[in-house]
Amino acid sequence: MKPPSRKTIGLIVILTFALQGIASAHAFLDHAEPRVGSTTGKAPAEVRIWFTQRLEPAFSKIQVFDAQGKEIDKRDTHVDPKEKNLLLVSLRELPAGTYKVSWHVVSVDTHRTQGDFKFTVEPKG
C-alpha cells in the first residue's frame, strides 16, 4: 500500500483545524454556581452560568424549576454587563429540595446551544 502524499496529508491537517474552528464556535457551559450536580447547605440567591463564548442577551435564558415542575426563578435572566459570557437569574427563597436548571443561549456568532442540570438544597442542622 502506498503512503499518503504530502498534498493529502496537508489537506487532512487543514480540514482538521477548520473543523475544530467550527466546533468551537458555540457557547458551551463552562461552569455554574451552584455547581452542576452539587448539594448546598444554603439556598442560593441566584443561578450564575459561565459559557465559553460571549452571549447574545436577547436570545439567552435560564429557567429554574422545583421538583413539581413549577418555575421558581424571578424571570429576570440577564447577561452580566462586565462578563459577557456570564448569564444570571435571581431566585425566590428556596426550601430544601432538588432543582432543575434549564438554559438556552445564543452566542454572539449566532450559534444556539442548550442544556440543563440539577442542584440540591439540603440545609445542615
C-alpha atoms as a PDB file:
ATOM      1  CA  MET A   1       0.000   0.000   0.000  1.00  0.00           C
ATOM      2  CA  LYS A   2       1.305   3.399  -0.986  1.00  0.00           C
ATOM      3  CA  PRO A   3       1.684   6.023   1.827  1.00  0.00           C
ATOM      4  CA  PRO A   4      -0.387   9.239   1.512  1.00  0.00           C
ATOM      5  CA  SER A   5       1.175  12.097  -0.424  1.00  0.00           C
ATOM      6  CA  ARG A   6       2.295  15.333   1.213  1.00  0.00           C
ATOM      7  CA  LYS A   7      -0.588  17.065  -0.518  1.00  0.00           C
ATOM      8  CA  THR A   8      -3.092  14.623   1.036  1.00  0.00           C
ATOM      9  CA  ILE A   9      -1.532  14.995   4.496  1.00  0.00           C
ATOM     10  CA  GLY A  10      -1.622  18.787   4.159  1.00  0.00           C
ATOM     11  CA  LEU A  11      -5.290  18.694   3.185  1.00  0.00           C
ATOM     12  CA  ILE A  12      -6.107  16.476   6.187  1.00  0.00           C
ATOM     13  CA  VAL A  13      -4.310  18.882   8.532  1.00  0.00           C
ATOM     14  CA  ILE A  14      -6.141  21.901   7.089  1.00  0.00           C
ATOM     15  CA  LEU A  15      -9.529  20.188   7.339  1.00  0.00           C
ATOM     16  CA  THR A  16      -8.842  19.085  10.911  1.00  0.00           C
ATOM     17  CA  PHE A  17      -8.103  22.654  12.025  1.00  0.00           C
ATOM     18  CA  ALA A  18     -11.056  24.031  10.062  1.00  0.00           C
ATOM     19  CA  LEU A  19     -13.446  21.578  11.703  1.00  0.00           C
ATOM     20  CA  GLN A  20     -12.055  22.364  15.158  1.00  0.00           C
ATOM     21  CA  GLY A  21     -12.755  26.041  14.499  1.00  0.00           C
ATOM     22  CA  ILE A  22     -16.342  25.260  13.560  1.00  0.00           C
ATOM     23  CA  ALA A  23     -16.867  23.050  16.615  1.00  0.00           C
ATOM     24  CA  SER A  24     -15.506  25.688  18.980  1.00  0.00           C
ATOM     25  CA  ALA A  25     -17.841  28.353  17.594  1.00  0.00           C
ATOM     26  CA  HIS A  26     -20.588  27.544  20.108  1.00  0.00           C
ATOM     27  CA  ALA A  27     -21.206  28.816  23.620  1.00  0.00           C
ATOM     28  CA  PHE A  28     -20.966  25.757  25.869  1.00  0.00           C
ATOM     29  CA  LEU A  29     -21.435  25.708  29.634  1.00  0.00           C
ATOM     30  CA  ASP A  30     -18.049  26.303  31.259  1.00  0.00           C
ATOM     31  CA  HIS A  31     -19.093  26.245  34.923  1.00  0.00           C
ATOM     32  CA  ALA A  32     -22.028  27.224  37.117  1.00  0.00           C
ATOM     33  CA  GLU A  33     -22.855  28.409  40.608  1.00  0.00           C
ATOM     34  CA  PRO A  34     -24.361  26.466  42.242  1.00  0.00           C
ATOM     35  CA  ARG A  35     -22.177  23.795  40.684  1.00  0.00           C
ATOM     36  CA  VAL A  36     -23.676  21.216  38.350  1.00  0.00           C
ATOM     37  CA  GLY A  37     -24.977  18.281  40.409  1.00  0.00           C
ATOM     38  CA  SER A  38     -23.948  19.862  43.708  1.00  0.00           C
ATOM     39  CA  THR A  39     -25.614  19.804  47.120  1.00  0.00           C
ATOM     40  CA  THR A  40     -25.505  23.057  49.023  1.00  0.00           C
ATOM     41  CA  GLY A  41     -26.343  23.756  52.652  1.00  0.00           C
ATOM     42  CA  LYS A  42     -27.699  27.224  51.905  1.00  0.00           C
ATOM     43  CA  ALA A  43     -30.150  28.151  49.187  1.00  0.00           C
ATOM     44  CA  PRO A  44     -28.536  30.370  46.539  1.00  0.00           C
ATOM     45  CA  ALA A  45     -29.983  33.797  45.741  1.00  0.00           C
ATOM     46  CA  GLU A  46     -29.270  33.338  42.042  1.00  0.00           C
ATOM     47  CA  VAL A  47     -28.007  30.902  39.434  1.00  0.00           C
ATOM     48  CA  ARG A  48     -24.889  32.005  37.579  1.00  0.00           C
ATOM     49  CA  ILE A  49     -23.688  30.175  34.468  1.00  0.00           C
ATOM     50  CA  TRP A  50     -20.455  30.968  32.652  1.00  0.00           C
ATOM     51  CA  PHE A  51     -20.161  29.984  28.986  1.00  0.00           C
ATOM     52  CA  THR A  52     -17.216  29.520  26.649  1.00  0.00           C
ATOM     53  CA  GLN A  53     -18.231  32.485  24.468  1.00  0.00           C
ATOM     54  CA  ARG A  54     -19.938  35.846  24.792  1.00  0.00           C
ATOM     55  CA  LEU A  55     -23.732  35.660  24.681  1.00  0.00           C
ATOM     56  CA  GLU A  56     -26.489  37.447  22.793  1.00  0.00           C
ATOM     57  CA  PRO A  57     -28.685  38.709  25.681  1.00  0.00           C
ATOM     58  CA  ALA A  58     -31.949  38.887  23.731  1.00  0.00           C
ATOM     59  CA  PHE A  59     -31.830  35.174  22.913  1.00  0.00           C
ATOM     60  CA  SER A  60     -30.358  33.668  26.102  1.00  0.00           C
ATOM     61  CA  LYS A  61     -32.334  32.446  29.102  1.00  0.00           C
ATOM     62  CA  ILE A  62     -32.131  30.460  32.337  1.00  0.00           C
ATOM     63  CA  GLN A  63     -35.164  28.860  33.979  1.00  0.00           C
ATOM     64  CA  VAL A  64     -35.181  27.084  37.340  1.00  0.00           C
ATOM     65  CA  PHE A  65     -37.847  24.524  38.266  1.00  0.00           C
ATOM     66  CA  ASP A  66     -38.767  22.765  41.506  1.00  0.00           C
ATOM     67  CA  ALA A  67     -39.466  19.004  41.769  1.00  0.00           C
ATOM     68  CA  GLN A  68     -43.091  19.548  40.688  1.00  0.00           C
ATOM     69  CA  GLY A  69     -42.012  21.377  37.517  1.00  0.00           C
ATOM     70  CA  LYS A  70     -43.032  24.846  38.725  1.00  0.00           C
ATOM     71  CA  GLU A  71     -40.760  27.672  37.575  1.00  0.00           C
ATOM     72  CA  ILE A  72     -39.312  29.262  40.721  1.00  0.00           C
ATOM     73  CA  ASP A  73     -36.856  31.830  39.349  1.00  0.00           C
ATOM     74  CA  LYS A  74     -37.725  35.543  39.218  1.00  0.00           C
ATOM     75  CA  ARG A  75     -37.706  35.554  35.386  1.00  0.00           C
ATOM     76  CA  ASP A  76     -35.032  38.240  35.273  1.00  0.00           C
ATOM     77  CA  THR A  77     -32.377  36.450  33.198  1.00  0.00           C
ATOM     78  CA  HIS A  78     -29.626  38.791  32.094  1.00  0.00           C
ATOM     79  CA  VAL A  79     -26.065  38.795  30.820  1.00  0.00           C
ATOM     80  CA  ASP A  80     -23.592  40.364  33.229  1.00  0.00           C
ATOM     81  CA  PRO A  81     -22.609  43.824  31.912  1.00  0.00           C
ATOM     82  CA  LYS A  82     -18.904  43.216  32.590  1.00  0.00           C
ATOM     83  CA  GLU A  83     -18.620  39.488  31.822  1.00  0.00           C
ATOM     84  CA  LYS A  84     -20.458  38.976  28.529  1.00  0.00           C
ATOM     85  CA  ASN A  85     -20.162  35.188  28.889  1.00  0.00           C
ATOM     86  CA  LEU A  86     -21.967  35.113  32.269  1.00  0.00           C
ATOM     87  CA  LEU A  87     -25.736  34.570  32.390  1.00  0.00           C
ATOM     88  CA  LEU A  88     -27.679  35.063  35.655  1.00  0.00           C
ATOM     89  CA  VAL A  89     -31.187  34.659  37.014  1.00  0.00           C
ATOM     90  CA  SER A  90     -32.453  35.558  40.507  1.00  0.00           C
ATOM     91  CA  LEU A  91     -34.228  33.001  42.687  1.00  0.00           C
ATOM     92  CA  ARG A  92     -37.066  33.192  45.155  1.00  0.00           C
ATOM     93  CA  GLU A  93     -36.316  31.831  48.631  1.00  0.00           C
ATOM     94  CA  LEU A  94     -35.826  28.103  48.143  1.00  0.00           C
ATOM     95  CA  PRO A  95     -36.812  25.395  50.607  1.00  0.00           C
ATOM     96  CA  ALA A  96     -34.878  22.133  50.787  1.00  0.00           C
ATOM     97  CA  GLY A  97     -35.207  20.119  47.608  1.00  0.00           C
ATOM     98  CA  THR A  98     -33.748  19.349  44.204  1.00  0.00           C
ATOM     99  CA  TYR A  99     -33.977  21.930  41.450  1.00  0.00           C
ATOM    100  CA  LYS A 100     -33.568  21.698  37.685  1.00  0.00           C
ATOM    101  CA  VAL A 101     -31.812  24.499  35.820  1.00  0.00           C
ATOM    102  CA  SER A 102     -32.601  24.703  32.096  1.00  0.00           C
ATOM    103  CA  TRP A 103     -30.745  27.078  29.828  1.00  0.00           C
ATOM    104  CA  HIS A 104     -30.583  28.003  26.197  1.00  0.00           C
ATOM    105  CA  VAL A 105     -28.196  30.551  24.789  1.00  0.00           C
ATOM    106  CA  VAL A 106     -27.177  32.107  21.513  1.00  0.00           C
ATOM    107  CA  SER A 107     -23.554  33.138  21.230  1.00  0.00           C
ATOM    108  CA  VAL A 108     -22.648  36.399  19.507  1.00  0.00           C
ATOM    109  CA  ASP A 109     -21.715  34.366  16.421  1.00  0.00           C
ATOM    110  CA  THR A 110     -25.406  33.200  16.308  1.00  0.00           C
ATOM    111  CA  HIS A 111     -24.908  29.549  17.309  1.00  0.00           C
ATOM    112  CA  ARG A 112     -27.542  28.156  19.703  1.00  0.00           C
ATOM    113  CA  THR A 113     -26.865  25.655  22.499  1.00  0.00           C
ATOM    114  CA  GLN A 114     -28.985  24.400  25.356  1.00  0.00           C
ATOM    115  CA  GLY A 115     -28.826  22.117  28.334  1.00  0.00           C
ATOM    116  CA  ASP A 116     -29.873  21.511  31.893  1.00  0.00           C
ATOM    117  CA  PHE A 117     -28.520  20.340  35.229  1.00  0.00           C
ATOM    118  CA  LYS A 118     -29.700  19.819  38.791  1.00  0.00           C
ATOM    119  CA  PHE A 119     -28.599  21.012  42.200  1.00  0.00           C
ATOM    120  CA  THR A 120     -29.927  20.204  45.656  1.00  0.00           C
ATOM    121  CA  VAL A 121     -30.529  22.432  48.669  1.00  0.00           C
ATOM    122  CA  GLU A 122     -30.062  20.458  51.863  1.00  0.00           C
ATOM    123  CA  PRO A 123     -29.738  22.700  54.944  1.00  0.00           C
ATOM    124  CA  LYS A 124     -27.409  21.414  57.626  1.00  0.00           C
ATOM    125  CA  GLY A 125     -28.597  21.105  61.160  1.00  0.00           C
END
